[in-house]
Amino acid sequence: MKQQKKQTKKEQMEREELIRDKIRDSQKYLSVLDTFGDDSIRNDFLNETNGAFVIFFSSVYKLPFLITHTQA
């Protein structure tokens, strides 16, 4: 009985750690994607400077506010 409780607790802790890892990874990806909204980064993609490509920018960020913002 006691061993079973320990095993159950260990499994729960492992599941929680996996969830934390997934959240941590998601935050990293969101942080990277968030940088695409920065004017200097967006301009790098639009002007193909600093190793950025317009094709990549277009496929990642097809948001109306960016299109209208860049046209203004």
Protein backbone atom coordinates (compact mmCIF):
# COMPACT_ATOMS: atom_id res chain seq x y z
CA MET A 1 0.00 0.00 0.00
CA LYS A 2 2.72 2.46 0.98
CA GLN A 3 4.82 1.50 -2.06
CA GLN A 4 1.82 2.06 -4.33
CA LYS A 5 1.30 5.56 -2.90
CA LYS A 6 4.96 6.38 -3.51
CA GLN A 7 4.71 5.13 -7.08
CA THR A 8 1.54 7.14 -7.69
CA LYS A 9 3.14 10.28 -6.28
CA LYS A 10 6.27 9.75 -8.40
CA GLU A 11 4.18 9.35 -11.56
CA GLN A 12 2.23 12.51 -10.74
CA MET A 13 5.45 14.46 -10.24
CA GLU A 14 6.78 13.18 -13.58
CA ARG A 15 3.57 14.27 -15.34
CA GLU A 16 3.80 17.70 -13.74
CA GLU A 17 7.43 18.04 -14.82
CA LEU A 18 6.49 17.17 -18.40
CA ILE A 19 3.78 19.83 -18.32
CA ARG A 20 6.27 22.40 -16.98
CA ASP A 21 8.73 21.48 -19.75
CA LYS A 22 6.03 21.91 -22.40
CA ILE A 23 5.04 25.28 -20.96
CA ARG A 24 8.68 26.37 -20.88
CA ASP A 25 9.14 25.34 -24.53
CA SER A 26 5.93 27.13 -25.52
CA GLN A 27 7.13 30.31 -23.84
CA LYS A 28 10.41 30.13 -25.77
CA TYR A 29 8.58 29.77 -29.08
CA LEU A 30 6.19 32.59 -28.24
CA SER A 31 9.11 34.81 -27.32
CA VAL A 32 10.77 34.16 -30.68
CA LEU A 33 7.53 34.77 -32.56
CA ASP A 34 6.95 37.93 -30.57
CA THR A 35 10.21 39.38 -31.87
CA PHE A 36 8.74 39.29 -35.39
CA GLY A 37 6.34 42.03 -34.29
CA ASP A 38 9.22 44.38 -33.52
CA ASP A 39 9.61 47.11 -36.18
CA SER A 40 13.35 46.55 -36.70
CA ILE A 41 12.94 42.78 -37.07
CA ARG A 42 9.95 43.17 -39.36
CA ASN A 43 11.92 45.62 -41.52
CA ASP A 44 14.78 43.11 -41.76
CA PHE A 45 12.36 40.60 -43.25
CA LEU A 46 10.68 43.08 -45.55
CA ASN A 47 14.03 44.38 -46.84
CA GLU A 48 15.77 40.99 -46.76
CA THR A 49 18.59 42.32 -44.59
CA ASN A 50 20.62 40.64 -41.85
CA GLY A 51 19.94 37.19 -43.31
CA ALA A 52 16.14 37.48 -43.16
CA PHE A 53 13.97 36.29 -46.05
CA VAL A 54 10.61 37.72 -47.06
CA ILE A 55 9.24 34.25 -47.82
CA PHE A 56 9.79 33.13 -44.21
CA PHE A 57 8.28 36.32 -42.83
CA SER A 58 5.21 36.00 -45.02
CA SER A 59 4.60 32.40 -44.08
CA VAL A 60 4.90 33.07 -40.35
CA TYR A 61 3.18 36.42 -40.01
CA LYS A 62 0.11 36.81 -42.20
CA LEU A 63 -1.66 39.07 -39.78
CA PRO A 64 -3.82 41.97 -41.00
CA PHE A 65 -2.34 44.49 -38.55
CA LEU A 66 1.14 43.84 -39.98
CA ILE A 67 -0.03 44.22 -43.56
CA THR A 68 -1.83 47.48 -42.88
CA HIS A 69 1.01 48.69 -40.67
CA THR A 70 3.64 48.11 -43.36
CA GLN A 71 1.50 49.79 -46.01
CA ALA A 72 1.09 52.96 -43.99
